[in-house]
Amino acid sequence: QVQLVESGGGSVQSGGSLRLSCIASRSTHDTYCMSWFRQAPGKEREGVASVDSDGRTVYADSVKGRFTISRDNAKNTVWLQMNNLKQEDTALYSCAAGGHRDCANTGWGGPLPQYEYRFWGQGTQVNVSS
């Protein structure tokens, strides 16, 4: 089992920034791919960004140029730096871990579907106001 714990959410005005963190309890083959997903009220969960253990990244079109995903393998930690936040970024942000070896292929157009991830965190809420 791998436990994922997110932190860093909060309330911010449009144009502001937040940095989310996700700490994994241990490193396994199932933490090769780490991703952030988000779910807004009344909407389906959507992938935001992924990073693999080799540092390759992929982003959803809606956050390209504004969000940056990164990780420190030695610390079992993944971050999501969110800049120029918009009201539509308001959601519960969750960290996910999976073993897909090609998860950060930009040809996918964004993070892989939810079923590719074995472990999930509880999430951290991000609220962006005007």
Protein backbone atom coordinates (compact mmCIF):
# COMPACT_ATOMS: atom_id res chain seq x y z
CA GLN A 1 0.00 0.00 0.00
CA VAL A 2 1.01 3.59 -0.64
CA GLN A 3 -0.56 6.47 1.28
CA LEU A 4 -0.71 9.85 -0.38
CA VAL A 5 -1.18 13.02 1.64
CA GLU A 6 -1.89 16.34 -0.03
CA SER A 7 -1.51 19.82 1.41
CA GLY A 8 -1.29 23.42 0.31
CA GLY A 9 -4.85 24.15 -0.73
CA GLY A 10 -6.68 27.27 0.32
CA SER A 11 -8.50 30.35 -0.86
CA VAL A 12 -6.96 32.86 -3.23
CA GLN A 13 -8.13 35.62 -5.54
CA SER A 14 -8.01 35.37 -9.31
CA GLY A 15 -4.49 35.87 -10.57
CA GLY A 16 -3.00 34.50 -7.39
CA SER A 17 -0.80 31.46 -6.81
CA LEU A 18 -0.81 28.33 -4.70
CA ARG A 19 1.59 25.43 -4.36
CA LEU A 20 0.19 22.00 -3.64
CA SER A 21 2.26 19.17 -2.17
CA CYS A 22 1.74 15.43 -2.18
CA ILE A 23 3.85 13.14 -0.04
CA ALA A 24 3.89 9.40 -0.68
CA SER A 25 4.50 7.01 2.22
CA ARG A 26 7.01 5.04 0.15
CA SER A 27 8.38 4.60 -3.31
CA THR A 28 7.32 1.58 -5.34
CA HIS A 29 6.82 0.75 -8.99
CA ASP A 30 3.32 2.16 -8.50
CA THR A 31 4.70 5.64 -7.81
CA TYR A 32 6.54 5.82 -11.12
CA CYS A 33 3.77 8.03 -12.43
CA MET A 34 2.40 10.76 -10.17
CA SER A 35 -0.45 12.97 -11.22
CA TRP A 36 -2.79 15.65 -10.01
CA PHE A 37 -6.51 15.44 -10.70
CA ARG A 38 -9.25 17.85 -9.76
CA GLN A 39 -12.99 17.71 -9.34
CA ALA A 40 -15.24 20.74 -9.26
CA PRO A 41 -18.77 20.56 -7.82
CA GLY A 42 -21.13 18.90 -10.27
CA LYS A 43 -18.35 17.97 -12.65
CA GLU A 44 -16.35 14.86 -13.38
CA ARG A 45 -12.84 14.44 -12.09
CA GLU A 46 -10.28 15.55 -14.64
CA GLY A 47 -6.54 15.10 -14.99
CA VAL A 48 -4.43 18.20 -14.53
CA ALA A 49 -0.80 17.17 -14.85
CA SER A 50 1.50 14.15 -14.62
CA VAL A 51 5.18 13.62 -13.94
CA ASP A 52 7.11 10.37 -14.12
CA SER A 53 10.17 9.35 -12.16
CA ASP A 54 12.39 10.50 -15.02
CA GLY A 55 10.95 14.01 -14.80
CA ARG A 56 8.87 13.98 -17.95
CA THR A 57 5.67 15.95 -17.69
CA VAL A 58 2.34 16.34 -19.41
CA TYR A 59 -0.43 18.87 -18.81
CA ALA A 60 -4.09 19.34 -19.57
CA ASP A 61 -4.61 22.11 -22.10
CA SER A 62 -6.58 24.15 -19.56
CA VAL A 63 -3.54 24.61 -17.31
CA LYS A 64 -0.63 24.74 -19.75
CA GLY A 65 1.56 27.76 -19.15
CA ARG A 66 0.04 28.37 -15.70
CA PHE A 67 0.70 25.18 -13.71
CA THR A 68 3.98 23.35 -13.19
CA ILE A 69 4.30 19.82 -11.82
CA SER A 70 7.54 18.62 -10.30
CA ARG A 71 8.80 15.89 -8.00
CA ASP A 72 11.66 14.94 -5.75
CA ASN A 73 12.08 11.17 -5.86
CA ALA A 74 14.32 11.12 -2.79
CA LYS A 75 11.61 12.85 -0.76
CA ASN A 76 8.71 10.94 -2.34
CA THR A 77 7.11 14.32 -2.95
CA VAL A 78 5.26 15.86 -5.86
CA TRP A 79 4.34 19.52 -6.16
CA LEU A 80 1.90 21.44 -8.28
CA GLN A 81 2.75 25.12 -8.64
CA MET A 82 -0.36 26.97 -9.75
CA ASN A 83 0.01 30.51 -11.04
CA ASN A 84 -2.46 32.97 -12.53
CA LEU A 85 -5.33 31.07 -10.95
CA LYS A 86 -8.81 31.48 -12.38
CA GLN A 87 -12.22 30.92 -10.82
CA GLU A 88 -12.64 27.84 -12.98
CA ASP A 89 -9.65 26.28 -11.20
CA THR A 90 -11.77 25.97 -8.05
CA ALA A 91 -11.92 22.27 -7.21
CA LEU A 92 -10.80 19.49 -4.91
CA TYR A 93 -7.30 18.58 -6.04
CA SER A 94 -6.16 15.00 -5.53
CA CYS A 95 -2.84 13.29 -5.98
CA ALA A 96 -2.68 9.90 -7.68
CA ALA A 97 0.02 7.28 -8.13
CA GLY A 98 0.34 4.63 -10.80
CA GLY A 99 2.85 2.44 -12.55
CA HIS A 100 2.25 3.28 -16.21
CA ARG A 101 5.68 3.69 -17.77
CA ASP A 102 4.53 6.05 -20.50
CA CYS A 103 2.15 8.23 -18.51
CA ALA A 104 3.91 11.50 -19.32
CA ASN A 105 3.81 11.06 -23.07
CA THR A 106 2.64 14.38 -24.46
CA GLY A 107 0.94 12.45 -27.23
CA TRP A 108 -1.80 11.54 -24.75
CA GLY A 109 -2.86 15.18 -24.62
CA GLY A 110 -2.92 15.16 -20.82
CA PRO A 111 -2.87 12.77 -17.86
CA LEU A 112 -3.98 9.20 -18.34
CA PRO A 113 -7.52 8.17 -17.24
CA GLN A 114 -8.26 7.58 -13.57
CA TYR A 115 -8.26 3.79 -13.90
CA GLU A 116 -4.52 3.88 -14.62
CA TYR A 117 -3.84 4.99 -11.05
CA ARG A 118 -3.79 2.60 -8.13
CA PHE A 119 -3.48 4.95 -5.15
CA TRP A 120 -5.24 8.20 -4.36
CA GLY A 121 -5.00 10.87 -1.71
CA GLN A 122 -7.95 12.48 0.08
CA GLY A 123 -7.51 15.78 -1.70
CA THR A 124 -6.99 19.41 -0.83
CA GLN A 125 -9.51 22.12 -1.63
CA VAL A 126 -8.62 25.10 -3.82
CA ASN A 127 -11.00 28.04 -3.98
CA VAL A 128 -10.40 30.91 -6.38
CA SER A 129 -12.54 34.03 -6.03
CA SER A 130 -12.91 37.02 -8.29
